[in-house]
C-alpha cells in the first residue's frame, strides 16, 4: 500500500519537474544557443513522457504471479 502511494508521488514529482524544466529553459533562458535550448527541451519532454508511461503502468491492474514449480530432488 505504501509502495504504491510512493510510486504515485514519485511519478507526479517527475512529471511536474519536467513541466517546470521546460518552462524555465524555454522562457527564462532566451539568450542561449538554439541547440542547447532544444536539448534541454527534449530532456523535459523525456521526463514528462516517462511520468506518463509510469502512470499508465500504475493504472493497470496488478497481475498475479504464477506459482513457482520446483522439481523434486531425488536422493
C-alpha atoms as a PDB file:
ATOM      1  CA  UNK A   1       0.000   0.000   0.000  1.00  0.00           C
ATOM      2  CA  UNK A   2       2.748   2.440   0.964  1.00  0.00           C
ATOM      3  CA  UNK A   3       4.858   1.472  -2.018  1.00  0.00           C
ATOM      4  CA  UNK A   4       2.073   2.221  -4.493  1.00  0.00           C
ATOM      5  CA  UNK A   5       1.481   5.618  -2.905  1.00  0.00           C
ATOM      6  CA  UNK A   6       5.176   6.414  -3.042  1.00  0.00           C
ATOM      7  CA  UNK A   7       5.274   5.324  -6.690  1.00  0.00           C
ATOM      8  CA  UNK A   8       2.455   7.759  -7.479  1.00  0.00           C
ATOM      9  CA  UNK A   9       4.211  10.506  -5.551  1.00  0.00           C
ATOM     10  CA  UNK A  10       7.498   9.988  -7.391  1.00  0.00           C
ATOM     11  CA  UNK A  11       5.768   9.821 -10.783  1.00  0.00           C
ATOM     12  CA  UNK A  12       3.872  13.044 -10.116  1.00  0.00           C
ATOM     13  CA  UNK A  13       7.017  14.756  -8.897  1.00  0.00           C
ATOM     14  CA  UNK A  14       8.959  13.809 -12.047  1.00  0.00           C
ATOM     15  CA  UNK A  15       6.091  14.965 -14.300  1.00  0.00           C
ATOM     16  CA  UNK A  16       5.794  18.334 -12.567  1.00  0.00           C
ATOM     17  CA  UNK A  17       9.571  18.735 -12.621  1.00  0.00           C
ATOM     18  CA  UNK A  18       9.543  18.069 -16.396  1.00  0.00           C
ATOM     19  CA  UNK A  19       6.924  20.761 -16.976  1.00  0.00           C
ATOM     20  CA  UNK A  20       8.849  23.236 -14.817  1.00  0.00           C
ATOM     21  CA  UNK A  21      12.101  22.331 -16.580  1.00  0.00           C
ATOM     22  CA  UNK A  22      10.601  23.139 -19.982  1.00  0.00           C
ATOM     23  CA  UNK A  23       9.107  26.374 -18.664  1.00  0.00           C
ATOM     24  CA  UNK A  24      12.391  27.585 -17.205  1.00  0.00           C
ATOM     25  CA  UNK A  25      14.525  26.559 -20.184  1.00  0.00           C
ATOM     26  CA  UNK A  26      12.249  27.816 -22.939  1.00  0.00           C
ATOM     27  CA  UNK A  27      11.145  31.110 -21.455  1.00  0.00           C
ATOM     28  CA  UNK A  28      13.750  32.208 -18.929  1.00  0.00           C
ATOM     29  CA  UNK A  29      16.883  31.388 -20.927  1.00  0.00           C
ATOM     30  CA  UNK A  30      16.027  33.002 -24.240  1.00  0.00           C
ATOM     31  CA  UNK A  31      19.575  34.209 -24.953  1.00  0.00           C
ATOM     32  CA  UNK A  32      21.265  30.786 -25.058  1.00  0.00           C
ATOM     33  CA  UNK A  33      22.166  28.945 -28.240  1.00  0.00           C
ATOM     34  CA  UNK A  34      19.304  27.203 -30.002  1.00  0.00           C
ATOM     35  CA  UNK A  35      20.865  23.727 -29.801  1.00  0.00           C
ATOM     36  CA  UNK A  36      21.166  23.879 -26.005  1.00  0.00           C
ATOM     37  CA  UNK A  37      17.577  25.033 -25.648  1.00  0.00           C
ATOM     38  CA  UNK A  38      16.485  22.223 -27.957  1.00  0.00           C
ATOM     39  CA  UNK A  39      18.421  19.644 -25.945  1.00  0.00           C
ATOM     40  CA  UNK A  40      17.008  20.913 -22.670  1.00  0.00           C
ATOM     41  CA  UNK A  41      13.507  20.897 -24.152  1.00  0.00           C
ATOM     42  CA  UNK A  42      13.976  17.287 -25.233  1.00  0.00           C
ATOM     43  CA  UNK A  43      15.130  16.398 -21.732  1.00  0.00           C
ATOM     44  CA  UNK A  44      11.994  17.970 -20.220  1.00  0.00           C
ATOM     45  CA  UNK A  45       9.855  16.154 -22.775  1.00  0.00           C
ATOM     46  CA  UNK A  46      11.573  12.896 -21.861  1.00  0.00           C
ATOM     47  CA  UNK A  47      10.764  13.462 -18.176  1.00  0.00           C
ATOM     48  CA  UNK A  48       7.108  14.148 -18.948  1.00  0.00           C
ATOM     49  CA  UNK A  49       6.912  11.101 -21.229  1.00  0.00           C
ATOM     50  CA  UNK A  50       8.483   8.883 -18.586  1.00  0.00           C
ATOM     51  CA  UNK A  51       5.986  10.109 -15.992  1.00  0.00           C
ATOM     52  CA  UNK A  52       3.051   9.435 -18.333  1.00  0.00           C
ATOM     53  CA  UNK A  53       4.378   5.969 -19.155  1.00  0.00           C
ATOM     54  CA  UNK A  54       4.811   5.148 -15.471  1.00  0.00           C
ATOM     55  CA  UNK A  55       1.303   6.453 -14.693  1.00  0.00           C
ATOM     56  CA  UNK A  56      -0.166   4.133 -17.335  1.00  0.00           C
ATOM     57  CA  UNK A  57       1.727   1.212 -15.797  1.00  0.00           C
ATOM     58  CA  UNK A  58       0.445   2.130 -12.334  1.00  0.00           C
ATOM     59  CA  UNK A  59      -3.158   2.258 -13.570  1.00  0.00           C
ATOM     60  CA  UNK A  60      -3.014  -1.301 -14.897  1.00  0.00           C
ATOM     61  CA  UNK A  61      -4.339  -3.976 -12.589  1.00  0.00           C
ATOM     62  CA  UNK A  62      -1.663  -5.980 -10.860  1.00  0.00           C
ATOM     63  CA  UNK A  63      -1.020  -9.397 -12.357  1.00  0.00           C
ATOM     64  CA  UNK A  64      -0.982 -12.379 -10.099  1.00  0.00           C
ATOM     65  CA  UNK A  65       2.360 -14.122 -10.063  1.00  0.00           C
ATOM     66  CA  UNK A  66       2.417 -17.751 -11.168  1.00  0.00           C
ATOM     67  CA  UNK A  67       3.323 -20.276  -8.519  1.00  0.00           C
ATOM     68  CA  UNK A  68       6.879 -21.498  -8.655  1.00  0.00           C
ATOM     69  CA  UNK A  69       7.102 -25.119  -9.715  1.00  0.00           C
ATOM     70  CA  UNK A  70      10.058 -26.993  -8.375  1.00  0.00           C
ATOM     71  CA  UNK A  71      11.274 -30.390  -9.441  1.00  0.00           C
ATOM     72  CA  UNK A  72      11.503 -32.940  -6.718  1.00  0.00           C
ATOM     73  CA  UNK A  73      15.008 -33.566  -5.580  1.00  0.00           C
ATOM     74  CA  UNK A  74      15.778 -37.259  -5.700  1.00  0.00           C
ATOM     75  CA  UNK A  75      18.234 -38.555  -3.138  1.00  0.00           C
END
